[in-house]
Amino acid sequence: MSAGKAVYDSIADAVKALKNCDYKLIGIAGGSCSGKTYLAKFLAEKLHGSCLSMDDYYIGRSRMKDDNFDHPDAVDLKLWGVHIKSVKEGKAIKRPSYNFVTHEREAPRSWKPFFPVITEGLFTLLKPHADNLDLKIFIEADSAMRLSRRIFRDTALRGRMHDDIADQWRRCVEKMHNQYVAPQRDAADIIIYNNEAAKI
């Protein structure tokens, strides 16, 4: 691990350490079901800020070449970058909305940030848009734990079947994690380990 990174063994410890921070824009990256959304919401609540999720920037199945939702091409990173710049300036954006049941975009809605803004997603720490972040966090969790959380989440909330989830995990999720997500760890200022079963 590179010198200078702060490391925490739980989300609670990290949030406690950040409770008095004055950053405007915080980015959280990590693997599928590592706890990004949980951390972002927890941190926003404690810091009285707002959240912006990269999940809403999926382009939608009808615009995709294949069903690999874990590749950067599945996300409108160009629009994300434009919005990140606007958000840091305190400007309102036309925030997209993504439906995980239909796998398509819905009508955008106006959204005005209030600081700090906590952004989270699979590719939040990728350049060039990560250059606008004041603090970069990578949340880490074991592969088996992340798969367990994903099965629980997608069967309970997204109407998916266990076998389909496991098959997608083998075909795409972990390959893309190793290729695109895990390397973002090197760009992080903070590493958080989150292997507690309840944190999805």
N, C-alpha and C. Protein backbone atom coordinates (compact mmCIF):
# COMPACT_ATOMS: atom_id res chain seq x y z
N MET A 1 0.84 -1.21 0.00
CA MET A 1 0.00 0.00 0.00
C MET A 1 0.87 1.25 0.00
N SER A 2 0.47 2.25 -0.77
CA SER A 2 1.25 3.47 -0.86
C SER A 2 1.22 4.24 0.45
N ALA A 3 2.33 4.93 0.71
CA ALA A 3 2.40 5.75 1.91
C ALA A 3 1.40 6.89 1.79
N GLY A 4 0.88 7.31 2.95
CA GLY A 4 -0.02 8.45 2.96
C GLY A 4 -1.48 8.10 2.94
N LYS A 5 -1.83 6.86 2.65
CA LYS A 5 -3.25 6.47 2.65
C LYS A 5 -3.70 6.20 4.09
N ALA A 6 -4.89 6.68 4.41
CA ALA A 6 -5.50 6.33 5.69
C ALA A 6 -6.31 5.06 5.51
N VAL A 7 -6.23 4.16 6.46
CA VAL A 7 -6.91 2.87 6.36
C VAL A 7 -7.81 2.68 7.57
N TYR A 8 -9.07 2.26 7.29
CA TYR A 8 -10.02 2.03 8.37
C TYR A 8 -10.61 0.63 8.24
N ASP A 9 -10.87 0.01 9.36
CA ASP A 9 -11.40 -1.36 9.38
C ASP A 9 -12.90 -1.44 9.36
N SER A 10 -13.57 -0.29 9.37
CA SER A 10 -15.03 -0.29 9.30
C SER A 10 -15.52 1.05 8.78
N ILE A 11 -16.74 1.04 8.25
CA ILE A 11 -17.37 2.28 7.79
C ILE A 11 -17.56 3.24 8.96
N ALA A 12 -17.97 2.73 10.10
CA ALA A 12 -18.23 3.59 11.26
C ALA A 12 -16.97 4.34 11.68
N ASP A 13 -15.81 3.66 11.68
CA ASP A 13 -14.56 4.31 12.06
C ASP A 13 -14.19 5.42 11.07
N ALA A 14 -14.40 5.15 9.78
CA ALA A 14 -14.07 6.15 8.75
C ALA A 14 -14.96 7.37 8.87
N VAL A 15 -16.26 7.15 9.04
CA VAL A 15 -17.20 8.28 9.15
C VAL A 15 -16.90 9.11 10.39
N LYS A 16 -16.54 8.45 11.47
CA LYS A 16 -16.19 9.17 12.70
C LYS A 16 -14.98 10.08 12.46
N ALA A 17 -14.00 9.57 11.71
CA ALA A 17 -12.79 10.35 11.43
C ALA A 17 -13.07 11.53 10.50
N LEU A 18 -14.12 11.42 9.68
CA LEU A 18 -14.42 12.45 8.69
C LEU A 18 -15.50 13.43 9.15
N LYS A 19 -15.96 13.29 10.36
CA LYS A 19 -17.15 14.05 10.79
C LYS A 19 -16.94 15.56 10.77
N ASN A 20 -15.70 16.02 10.85
CA ASN A 20 -15.45 17.46 10.86
C ASN A 20 -14.76 17.95 9.59
N CYS A 21 -14.81 17.15 8.53
CA CYS A 21 -14.12 17.52 7.30
C CYS A 21 -14.85 18.65 6.59
N ASP A 22 -14.12 19.40 5.77
CA ASP A 22 -14.72 20.52 5.04
C ASP A 22 -14.56 20.37 3.53
N TYR A 23 -14.52 19.14 3.05
CA TYR A 23 -14.42 18.89 1.62
C TYR A 23 -15.74 19.23 0.93
N LYS A 24 -15.65 19.71 -0.32
CA LYS A 24 -16.85 20.00 -1.09
C LYS A 24 -17.33 18.77 -1.85
N LEU A 25 -16.39 18.00 -2.40
CA LEU A 25 -16.74 16.89 -3.27
C LEU A 25 -15.93 15.65 -2.87
N ILE A 26 -16.63 14.63 -2.42
CA ILE A 26 -16.01 13.37 -1.98
C ILE A 26 -16.44 12.26 -2.92
N GLY A 27 -15.50 11.46 -3.38
CA GLY A 27 -15.80 10.35 -4.28
C GLY A 27 -15.54 9.01 -3.63
N ILE A 28 -16.47 8.09 -3.83
CA ILE A 28 -16.34 6.73 -3.27
C ILE A 28 -16.43 5.73 -4.42
N ALA A 29 -15.41 4.90 -4.54
CA ALA A 29 -15.43 3.80 -5.51
C ALA A 29 -15.23 2.49 -4.79
N GLY A 30 -15.55 1.40 -5.48
CA GLY A 30 -15.40 0.06 -4.91
C GLY A 30 -16.17 -0.93 -5.75
N GLY A 31 -15.97 -2.19 -5.48
CA GLY A 31 -16.63 -3.24 -6.24
C GLY A 31 -18.13 -3.29 -6.01
N SER A 32 -18.80 -4.07 -6.85
CA SER A 32 -20.24 -4.27 -6.71
C SER A 32 -20.56 -4.78 -5.31
N CYS A 33 -21.47 -4.09 -4.64
CA CYS A 33 -21.93 -4.45 -3.29
C CYS A 33 -20.80 -4.42 -2.26
N SER A 34 -19.86 -3.53 -2.46
CA SER A 34 -18.82 -3.35 -1.45
C SER A 34 -19.31 -2.46 -0.31
N GLY A 35 -20.37 -1.70 -0.56
CA GLY A 35 -20.91 -0.81 0.47
C GLY A 35 -20.85 0.66 0.10
N LYS A 36 -20.67 0.96 -1.19
CA LYS A 36 -20.53 2.35 -1.64
C LYS A 36 -21.75 3.20 -1.29
N THR A 37 -22.93 2.70 -1.64
CA THR A 37 -24.15 3.48 -1.42
C THR A 37 -24.42 3.66 0.07
N TYR A 38 -24.22 2.59 0.83
CA TYR A 38 -24.41 2.66 2.29
C TYR A 38 -23.50 3.73 2.88
N LEU A 39 -22.22 3.69 2.50
CA LEU A 39 -21.25 4.66 3.02
C LEU A 39 -21.63 6.07 2.60
N ALA A 40 -22.00 6.26 1.33
CA ALA A 40 -22.34 7.59 0.84
C ALA A 40 -23.51 8.19 1.62
N LYS A 41 -24.55 7.40 1.83
CA LYS A 41 -25.72 7.89 2.55
C LYS A 41 -25.40 8.17 4.02
N PHE A 42 -24.61 7.29 4.64
CA PHE A 42 -24.22 7.44 6.03
C PHE A 42 -23.39 8.73 6.18
N LEU A 43 -22.43 8.92 5.26
CA LEU A 43 -21.56 10.08 5.32
C LEU A 43 -22.34 11.37 5.06
N ALA A 44 -23.24 11.33 4.08
CA ALA A 44 -24.05 12.51 3.78
C ALA A 44 -24.91 12.90 4.97
N GLU A 45 -25.45 11.91 5.66
CA GLU A 45 -26.27 12.18 6.84
C GLU A 45 -25.45 12.83 7.94
N LYS A 46 -24.27 12.30 8.19
CA LYS A 46 -23.44 12.81 9.27
C LYS A 46 -22.88 14.19 8.95
N LEU A 47 -22.61 14.44 7.67
CA LEU A 47 -22.03 15.72 7.28
C LEU A 47 -23.07 16.71 6.77
N HIS A 48 -24.34 16.30 6.79
CA HIS A 48 -25.45 17.14 6.31
C HIS A 48 -25.23 17.56 4.86
N GLY A 49 -24.81 16.58 4.06
CA GLY A 49 -24.56 16.83 2.65
C GLY A 49 -25.56 16.13 1.76
N SER A 50 -25.19 15.90 0.50
CA SER A 50 -26.06 15.24 -0.45
C SER A 50 -25.28 14.19 -1.24
N CYS A 51 -26.00 13.30 -1.90
CA CYS A 51 -25.39 12.19 -2.62
C CYS A 51 -25.69 12.28 -4.12
N LEU A 52 -24.72 11.86 -4.91
CA LEU A 52 -24.89 11.72 -6.35
C LEU A 52 -24.35 10.35 -6.74
N SER A 53 -25.25 9.49 -7.26
CA SER A 53 -24.87 8.12 -7.58
C SER A 53 -24.62 7.94 -9.07
N MET A 54 -23.51 7.29 -9.39
CA MET A 54 -23.19 6.96 -10.78
C MET A 54 -24.17 5.96 -11.35
N ASP A 55 -24.88 5.22 -10.52
CA ASP A 55 -25.87 4.25 -11.00
C ASP A 55 -26.90 4.89 -11.91
N ASP A 56 -27.26 6.14 -11.63
CA ASP A 56 -28.26 6.83 -12.44
C ASP A 56 -27.74 7.18 -13.83
N TYR A 57 -26.46 7.01 -14.05
CA TYR A 57 -25.85 7.38 -15.33
C TYR A 57 -25.65 6.17 -16.27
N TYR A 58 -26.21 5.02 -15.90
CA TYR A 58 -26.22 3.90 -16.85
C TYR A 58 -26.95 4.35 -18.11
N ILE A 59 -26.44 3.95 -19.27
CA ILE A 59 -27.04 4.40 -20.52
C ILE A 59 -28.33 3.66 -20.87
N GLY A 60 -28.54 2.48 -20.27
CA GLY A 60 -29.75 1.70 -20.54
C GLY A 60 -29.48 0.56 -21.51
N ARG A 61 -30.16 -0.54 -21.28
CA ARG A 61 -29.93 -1.75 -22.08
C ARG A 61 -30.14 -1.53 -23.57
N SER A 62 -31.12 -0.71 -23.95
CA SER A 62 -31.41 -0.50 -25.37
C SER A 62 -30.27 0.22 -26.09
N ARG A 63 -29.38 0.86 -25.36
CA ARG A 63 -28.26 1.58 -25.97
C ARG A 63 -26.94 0.84 -25.82
N MET A 64 -26.98 -0.33 -25.18
CA MET A 64 -25.75 -1.07 -24.92
C MET A 64 -25.47 -2.09 -26.02
N LYS A 65 -24.19 -2.37 -26.24
CA LYS A 65 -23.78 -3.38 -27.22
C LYS A 65 -23.99 -4.79 -26.69
N ASP A 66 -23.90 -4.96 -25.38
CA ASP A 66 -24.10 -6.25 -24.74
C ASP A 66 -24.68 -6.01 -23.35
N ASP A 67 -24.76 -7.05 -22.55
CA ASP A 67 -25.34 -6.91 -21.21
C ASP A 67 -24.27 -6.79 -20.12
N ASN A 68 -23.13 -6.24 -20.47
CA ASN A 68 -22.06 -6.07 -19.49
C ASN A 68 -22.22 -4.73 -18.78
N PHE A 69 -22.97 -4.73 -17.69
CA PHE A 69 -23.23 -3.51 -16.94
C PHE A 69 -22.05 -3.09 -16.06
N ASP A 70 -21.01 -3.90 -16.04
CA ASP A 70 -19.85 -3.61 -15.18
C ASP A 70 -18.66 -3.08 -15.97
N HIS A 71 -18.88 -2.77 -17.24
CA HIS A 71 -17.86 -2.15 -18.08
C HIS A 71 -18.11 -0.64 -18.11
N PRO A 72 -17.05 0.17 -18.14
CA PRO A 72 -17.26 1.62 -18.18
C PRO A 72 -18.14 2.10 -19.33
N ASP A 73 -18.19 1.37 -20.43
CA ASP A 73 -19.03 1.78 -21.56
C ASP A 73 -20.52 1.73 -21.24
N ALA A 74 -20.89 1.04 -20.16
CA ALA A 74 -22.30 0.96 -19.77
C ALA A 74 -22.77 2.22 -19.07
N VAL A 75 -21.84 3.09 -18.76
CA VAL A 75 -22.14 4.32 -18.01
C VAL A 75 -21.83 5.53 -18.88
N ASP A 76 -22.66 6.56 -18.79
CA ASP A 76 -22.43 7.80 -19.52
C ASP A 76 -21.40 8.63 -18.75
N LEU A 77 -20.14 8.25 -18.88
CA LEU A 77 -19.08 8.91 -18.12
C LEU A 77 -18.83 10.34 -18.60
N LYS A 78 -19.15 10.60 -19.87
CA LYS A 78 -18.99 11.97 -20.38
C LYS A 78 -19.95 12.92 -19.66
N LEU A 79 -21.22 12.51 -19.57
CA LEU A 79 -22.21 13.33 -18.86
C LEU A 79 -21.86 13.42 -17.39
N TRP A 80 -21.41 12.31 -16.82
CA TRP A 80 -21.00 12.30 -15.42
C TRP A 80 -19.92 13.36 -15.17
N GLY A 81 -18.92 13.40 -16.05
CA GLY A 81 -17.84 14.37 -15.89
C GLY A 81 -18.33 15.80 -15.98
N VAL A 82 -19.23 16.08 -16.92
CA VAL A 82 -19.81 17.42 -17.06
C VAL A 82 -20.57 17.80 -15.79
N HIS A 83 -21.35 16.86 -15.28
CA HIS A 83 -22.14 17.14 -14.09
C HIS A 83 -21.28 17.31 -12.84
N ILE A 84 -20.21 16.54 -12.75
CA ILE A 84 -19.32 16.66 -11.59
C ILE A 84 -18.73 18.07 -11.53
N LYS A 85 -18.33 18.60 -12.68
CA LYS A 85 -17.80 19.97 -12.72
C LYS A 85 -18.86 20.98 -12.31
N SER A 86 -20.07 20.82 -12.82
CA SER A 86 -21.16 21.74 -12.48
C SER A 86 -21.51 21.68 -11.01
N VAL A 87 -21.56 20.45 -10.49
CA VAL A 87 -21.90 20.25 -9.08
C VAL A 87 -20.87 20.92 -8.18
N LYS A 88 -19.60 20.78 -8.52
CA LYS A 88 -18.56 21.38 -7.68
C LYS A 88 -18.69 22.90 -7.65
N GLU A 89 -19.24 23.47 -8.71
CA GLU A 89 -19.47 24.91 -8.77
C GLU A 89 -20.80 25.31 -8.11
N GLY A 90 -21.52 24.32 -7.60
CA GLY A 90 -22.78 24.59 -6.92
C GLY A 90 -23.96 24.77 -7.84
N LYS A 91 -23.81 24.39 -9.10
CA LYS A 91 -24.88 24.57 -10.08
C LYS A 91 -25.86 23.41 -10.07
N ALA A 92 -27.10 23.69 -10.41
CA ALA A 92 -28.10 22.63 -10.56
C ALA A 92 -27.83 21.87 -11.85
N ILE A 93 -28.21 20.59 -11.87
CA ILE A 93 -28.03 19.76 -13.06
C ILE A 93 -29.35 19.06 -13.38
N LYS A 94 -29.46 18.58 -14.61
CA LYS A 94 -30.55 17.70 -15.00
C LYS A 94 -30.09 16.28 -14.76
N ARG A 95 -30.33 15.81 -13.58
CA ARG A 95 -29.81 14.52 -13.14
C ARG A 95 -30.61 13.37 -13.77
N PRO A 96 -29.92 12.43 -14.43
CA PRO A 96 -30.65 11.30 -15.01
C PRO A 96 -31.17 10.37 -13.93
N SER A 97 -32.07 9.49 -14.33
CA SER A 97 -32.64 8.51 -13.41
C SER A 97 -32.68 7.16 -14.11
N TYR A 98 -32.24 6.12 -13.42
CA TYR A 98 -32.15 4.80 -14.02
C TYR A 98 -33.04 3.82 -13.26
N ASN A 99 -33.78 3.01 -14.01
CA ASN A 99 -34.69 2.03 -13.44
C ASN A 99 -34.04 0.65 -13.51
N PHE A 100 -33.74 0.06 -12.36
CA PHE A 100 -33.04 -1.22 -12.32
C PHE A 100 -33.94 -2.41 -12.63
N VAL A 101 -35.22 -2.19 -12.69
CA VAL A 101 -36.15 -3.26 -13.06
C VAL A 101 -36.29 -3.35 -14.58
N THR A 102 -36.47 -2.18 -15.23
CA THR A 102 -36.60 -2.15 -16.69
C THR A 102 -35.25 -2.05 -17.39
N HIS A 103 -34.21 -1.69 -16.63
CA HIS A 103 -32.85 -1.49 -17.18
C HIS A 103 -32.80 -0.37 -18.21
N GLU A 104 -33.60 0.66 -17.99
CA GLU A 104 -33.62 1.79 -18.91
C GLU A 104 -33.63 3.11 -18.14
N ARG A 105 -33.22 4.16 -18.86
CA ARG A 105 -33.26 5.51 -18.31
C ARG A 105 -34.70 6.00 -18.22
N GLU A 106 -34.96 6.81 -17.22
CA GLU A 106 -36.24 7.50 -17.10
C GLU A 106 -35.99 8.99 -17.24
N ALA A 107 -37.02 9.78 -17.17
CA ALA A 107 -36.89 11.22 -17.38
C ALA A 107 -35.95 11.84 -16.34
N PRO A 108 -35.07 12.74 -16.79
CA PRO A 108 -34.18 13.40 -15.83
C PRO A 108 -34.95 14.39 -14.97
N ARG A 109 -34.35 14.75 -13.86
CA ARG A 109 -34.99 15.70 -12.97
C ARG A 109 -33.95 16.72 -12.51
N SER A 110 -34.40 17.91 -12.23
CA SER A 110 -33.50 18.96 -11.76
C SER A 110 -33.00 18.63 -10.36
N TRP A 111 -31.73 18.82 -10.14
CA TRP A 111 -31.11 18.49 -8.85
C TRP A 111 -30.06 19.54 -8.52
N LYS A 112 -30.19 20.16 -7.36
CA LYS A 112 -29.21 21.15 -6.93
C LYS A 112 -28.44 20.60 -5.73
N PRO A 113 -27.13 20.60 -5.80
CA PRO A 113 -26.33 20.02 -4.72
C PRO A 113 -26.30 20.90 -3.48
N PHE A 114 -26.12 20.26 -2.34
CA PHE A 114 -25.71 20.99 -1.15
C PHE A 114 -24.53 20.25 -0.56
N PHE A 115 -23.55 21.01 -0.14
CA PHE A 115 -22.24 20.46 0.22
C PHE A 115 -22.18 20.01 1.67
N PRO A 116 -21.32 18.97 1.88
CA PRO A 116 -20.51 18.28 0.88
C PRO A 116 -21.35 17.35 0.02
N VAL A 117 -20.93 17.17 -1.22
CA VAL A 117 -21.56 16.21 -2.12
C VAL A 117 -20.73 14.94 -2.11
N ILE A 118 -21.38 13.83 -1.83
CA ILE A 118 -20.71 12.53 -1.82
C ILE A 118 -21.12 11.78 -3.08
N THR A 119 -20.18 11.54 -3.97
CA THR A 119 -20.44 10.81 -5.19
C THR A 119 -19.98 9.37 -5.02
N GLU A 120 -20.72 8.44 -5.63
CA GLU A 120 -20.32 7.04 -5.49
C GLU A 120 -20.66 6.26 -6.74
N GLY A 121 -19.84 5.26 -7.04
CA GLY A 121 -20.07 4.41 -8.19
C GLY A 121 -18.87 3.53 -8.49
N LEU A 122 -19.05 2.62 -9.41
CA LEU A 122 -17.98 1.68 -9.76
C LEU A 122 -16.73 2.40 -10.26
N PHE A 123 -16.92 3.52 -10.98
CA PHE A 123 -15.81 4.16 -11.68
C PHE A 123 -15.56 5.59 -11.22
N THR A 124 -15.93 5.89 -10.01
CA THR A 124 -15.86 7.27 -9.50
C THR A 124 -14.44 7.82 -9.45
N LEU A 125 -13.46 6.96 -9.25
CA LEU A 125 -12.08 7.43 -9.11
C LEU A 125 -11.28 7.36 -10.40
N LEU A 126 -11.96 7.10 -11.52
CA LEU A 126 -11.27 7.10 -12.81
C LEU A 126 -11.02 8.53 -13.27
N LYS A 127 -9.89 8.76 -13.91
CA LYS A 127 -9.62 10.04 -14.53
C LYS A 127 -10.38 10.13 -15.85
N PRO A 128 -10.72 11.34 -16.32
CA PRO A 128 -10.32 12.64 -15.77
C PRO A 128 -11.29 13.22 -14.74
N HIS A 129 -12.51 12.65 -14.64
CA HIS A 129 -13.50 13.30 -13.75
C HIS A 129 -13.11 13.24 -12.28
N ALA A 130 -12.26 12.26 -11.92
CA ALA A 130 -11.85 12.16 -10.52
C ALA A 130 -10.96 13.32 -10.09
N ASP A 131 -10.40 14.04 -11.08
CA ASP A 131 -9.54 15.19 -10.75
C ASP A 131 -10.32 16.29 -10.04
N ASN A 132 -11.63 16.29 -10.15
CA ASN A 132 -12.46 17.30 -9.48
C ASN A 132 -12.77 16.95 -8.03
N LEU A 133 -12.41 15.76 -7.61
CA LEU A 133 -12.73 15.33 -6.25
C LEU A 133 -11.73 15.91 -5.25
N ASP A 134 -12.24 16.29 -4.09
CA ASP A 134 -11.38 16.79 -3.02
C ASP A 134 -10.87 15.67 -2.13
N LEU A 135 -11.62 14.57 -2.07
CA LEU A 135 -11.23 13.41 -1.26
C LEU A 135 -11.68 12.16 -2.00
N LYS A 136 -10.79 11.18 -2.10
CA LYS A 136 -11.08 9.94 -2.82
C LYS A 136 -11.04 8.77 -1.84
N ILE A 137 -12.13 7.99 -1.85
CA ILE A 137 -12.26 6.84 -0.95
C ILE A 137 -12.48 5.57 -1.76
N PHE A 138 -11.79 4.52 -1.38
CA PHE A 138 -12.03 3.21 -1.99
C PHE A 138 -12.49 2.27 -0.88
N ILE A 139 -13.63 1.63 -1.11
CA ILE A 139 -14.17 0.70 -0.11
C ILE A 139 -13.96 -0.73 -0.60
N GLU A 140 -13.39 -1.54 0.26
CA GLU A 140 -12.94 -2.88 -0.10
C GLU A 140 -13.77 -3.92 0.65
N ALA A 141 -14.11 -5.01 -0.04
CA ALA A 141 -14.81 -6.13 0.59
C ALA A 141 -14.44 -7.40 -0.17
N ASP A 142 -14.42 -8.52 0.54
CA ASP A 142 -14.08 -9.79 -0.09
C ASP A 142 -15.08 -10.14 -1.18
N SER A 143 -14.61 -10.83 -2.20
CA SER A 143 -15.46 -11.21 -3.33
C SER A 143 -16.67 -12.03 -2.88
N ALA A 144 -16.44 -13.01 -2.02
CA ALA A 144 -17.55 -13.87 -1.57
C ALA A 144 -18.60 -13.06 -0.81
N MET A 145 -18.15 -12.10 -0.01
CA MET A 145 -19.09 -11.26 0.72
C MET A 145 -19.88 -10.37 -0.23
N ARG A 146 -19.21 -9.82 -1.23
CA ARG A 146 -19.91 -8.96 -2.18
C ARG A 146 -20.94 -9.74 -3.00
N LEU A 147 -20.59 -10.96 -3.39
CA LEU A 147 -21.55 -11.79 -4.12
C LEU A 147 -22.75 -12.12 -3.26
N SER A 148 -22.52 -12.45 -2.01
CA SER A 148 -23.63 -12.75 -1.09
C SER A 148 -24.57 -11.55 -0.96
N ARG A 149 -24.01 -10.37 -0.81
CA ARG A 149 -24.82 -9.16 -0.71
C ARG A 149 -25.59 -8.89 -2.00
N ARG A 150 -24.93 -9.13 -3.14
CA ARG A 150 -25.57 -8.87 -4.43
C ARG A 150 -26.75 -9.81 -4.65
N ILE A 151 -26.60 -11.05 -4.30
CA ILE A 151 -27.70 -12.00 -4.42
C ILE A 151 -28.88 -11.56 -3.55
N PHE A 152 -28.57 -11.16 -2.33
CA PHE A 152 -29.62 -10.70 -1.42
C PHE A 152 -30.32 -9.47 -1.98
N ARG A 153 -29.53 -8.49 -2.43
CA ARG A 153 -30.10 -7.24 -2.93
C ARG A 153 -30.93 -7.44 -4.19
N ASP A 154 -30.36 -8.15 -5.17
CA ASP A 154 -31.02 -8.26 -6.47
C ASP A 154 -32.25 -9.16 -6.45
N THR A 155 -32.27 -10.15 -5.59
CA THR A 155 -33.47 -10.99 -5.47
C THR A 155 -34.56 -10.24 -4.70
N ALA A 156 -34.16 -9.49 -3.69
CA ALA A 156 -35.14 -8.80 -2.85
C ALA A 156 -35.67 -7.52 -3.48
N LEU A 157 -34.81 -6.78 -4.18
CA LEU A 157 -35.18 -5.45 -4.64
C LEU A 157 -35.33 -5.31 -6.14
N ARG A 158 -34.74 -6.20 -6.91
CA ARG A 158 -34.72 -6.01 -8.36
C ARG A 158 -35.35 -7.15 -9.14
N GLY A 159 -35.98 -8.08 -8.43
CA GLY A 159 -36.74 -9.13 -9.08
C GLY A 159 -35.92 -10.12 -9.89
N ARG A 160 -34.68 -10.32 -9.53
CA ARG A 160 -33.81 -11.21 -10.29
C ARG A 160 -33.71 -12.58 -9.62
N MET A 161 -33.27 -13.57 -10.41
CA MET A 161 -33.16 -14.93 -9.93
C MET A 161 -31.72 -15.23 -9.51
N HIS A 162 -31.60 -16.08 -8.50
CA HIS A 162 -30.30 -16.41 -7.92
C HIS A 162 -29.31 -16.89 -8.98
N ASP A 163 -29.71 -17.83 -9.83
CA ASP A 163 -28.80 -18.40 -10.82
C ASP A 163 -28.34 -17.36 -11.83
N ASP A 164 -29.24 -16.45 -12.22
CA ASP A 164 -28.87 -15.40 -13.17
C ASP A 164 -27.83 -14.45 -12.57
N ILE A 165 -28.00 -14.14 -11.30
CA ILE A 165 -27.06 -13.25 -10.62
C ILE A 165 -25.68 -13.90 -10.54
N ALA A 166 -25.65 -15.17 -10.14
CA ALA A 166 -24.38 -15.88 -10.02
C ALA A 166 -23.69 -16.03 -11.38
N ASP A 167 -24.49 -16.26 -12.43
CA ASP A 167 -23.92 -16.40 -13.77
C ASP A 167 -23.31 -15.07 -14.24
N GLN A 168 -24.02 -13.98 -14.02
CA GLN A 168 -23.49 -12.67 -14.41
C GLN A 168 -22.22 -12.34 -13.63
N TRP A 169 -22.21 -12.73 -12.38
CA TRP A 169 -21.02 -12.49 -11.55
C TRP A 169 -19.80 -13.19 -12.16
N ARG A 170 -19.99 -14.44 -12.57
CA ARG A 170 -18.88 -15.21 -13.15
C ARG A 170 -18.46 -14.66 -14.51
N ARG A 171 -19.45 -14.27 -15.34
CA ARG A 171 -19.15 -13.84 -16.71
C ARG A 171 -18.56 -12.44 -16.78
N CYS A 172 -19.09 -11.54 -15.95
CA CYS A 172 -18.74 -10.13 -16.12
C CYS A 172 -18.21 -9.44 -14.87
N VAL A 173 -18.92 -9.58 -13.78
CA VAL A 173 -18.69 -8.70 -12.63
C VAL A 173 -17.25 -8.76 -12.12
N GLU A 174 -16.76 -9.95 -11.82
CA GLU A 174 -15.43 -10.05 -11.25
C GLU A 174 -14.34 -9.74 -12.26
N LYS A 175 -14.55 -10.08 -13.52
CA LYS A 175 -13.56 -9.74 -14.55
C LYS A 175 -13.43 -8.23 -14.68
N MET A 176 -14.54 -7.54 -14.72
CA MET A 176 -14.52 -6.09 -14.83
C MET A 176 -13.99 -5.45 -13.54
N HIS A 177 -14.29 -6.07 -12.43
CA HIS A 177 -13.77 -5.58 -11.15
C HIS A 177 -12.24 -5.58 -11.18
N ASN A 178 -11.67 -6.69 -11.60
CA ASN A 178 -10.21 -6.81 -11.62
C ASN A 178 -9.57 -5.86 -12.64
N GLN A 179 -10.28 -5.64 -13.74
CA GLN A 179 -9.71 -4.83 -14.81
C GLN A 179 -9.88 -3.33 -14.60
N TYR A 180 -11.05 -2.91 -14.10
CA TYR A 180 -11.35 -1.49 -14.04
C TYR A 180 -11.56 -0.93 -12.63
N VAL A 181 -12.13 -1.72 -11.75
CA VAL A 181 -12.50 -1.20 -10.43
C VAL A 181 -11.34 -1.27 -9.44
N ALA A 182 -10.78 -2.44 -9.26
CA ALA A 182 -9.72 -2.62 -8.27
C ALA A 182 -8.53 -1.67 -8.45
N PRO A 183 -8.10 -1.38 -9.70
CA PRO A 183 -6.96 -0.46 -9.86
C PRO A 183 -7.20 0.95 -9.30
N GLN A 184 -8.47 1.33 -9.14
CA GLN A 184 -8.77 2.66 -8.60
C GLN A 184 -8.33 2.80 -7.15
N ARG A 185 -8.09 1.68 -6.52
CA ARG A 185 -7.61 1.67 -5.13
C ARG A 185 -6.34 2.51 -4.99
N ASP A 186 -5.50 2.49 -6.02
CA ASP A 186 -4.23 3.22 -5.97
C ASP A 186 -4.44 4.73 -5.95
N ALA A 187 -5.56 5.19 -6.46
CA ALA A 187 -5.83 6.63 -6.52
C ALA A 187 -6.46 7.15 -5.23
N ALA A 188 -6.85 6.26 -4.34
CA ALA A 188 -7.62 6.66 -3.15
C ALA A 188 -6.74 7.30 -2.07
N ASP A 189 -7.34 8.23 -1.35
CA ASP A 189 -6.71 8.81 -0.16
C ASP A 189 -7.01 7.97 1.07
N ILE A 190 -8.17 7.30 1.01
CA ILE A 190 -8.64 6.50 2.15
C ILE A 190 -9.09 5.13 1.65
N ILE A 191 -8.71 4.09 2.38
CA ILE A 191 -9.17 2.72 2.12
C ILE A 191 -10.02 2.29 3.30
N ILE A 192 -11.21 1.76 3.01
CA ILE A 192 -12.09 1.26 4.07
C ILE A 192 -12.40 -0.20 3.80
N TYR A 193 -12.19 -1.04 4.80
CA TYR A 193 -12.53 -2.46 4.69
C TYR A 193 -13.93 -2.67 5.26
N ASN A 194 -14.77 -3.32 4.46
CA ASN A 194 -16.17 -3.49 4.86
C ASN A 194 -16.62 -4.92 4.57
N ASN A 195 -16.35 -5.81 5.50
CA ASN A 195 -16.73 -7.21 5.33
C ASN A 195 -17.82 -7.63 6.30
N GLU A 196 -18.56 -6.65 6.84
CA GLU A 196 -19.69 -6.97 7.70
C GLU A 196 -20.90 -7.33 6.85
N ALA A 197 -21.59 -8.35 7.23
CA ALA A 197 -22.68 -8.90 6.40
C ALA A 197 -23.80 -7.91 6.11
N ALA A 198 -24.06 -6.98 7.01
CA ALA A 198 -25.23 -6.12 6.84
C ALA A 198 -25.00 -4.95 5.91
N LYS A 199 -23.77 -4.67 5.53
CA LYS A 199 -23.48 -3.47 4.77
C LYS A 199 -23.50 -3.73 3.27
N ILE A 200 -24.59 -3.36 2.60
CA ILE A 200 -24.70 -3.53 1.16
C ILE A 200 -24.81 -2.17 0.47
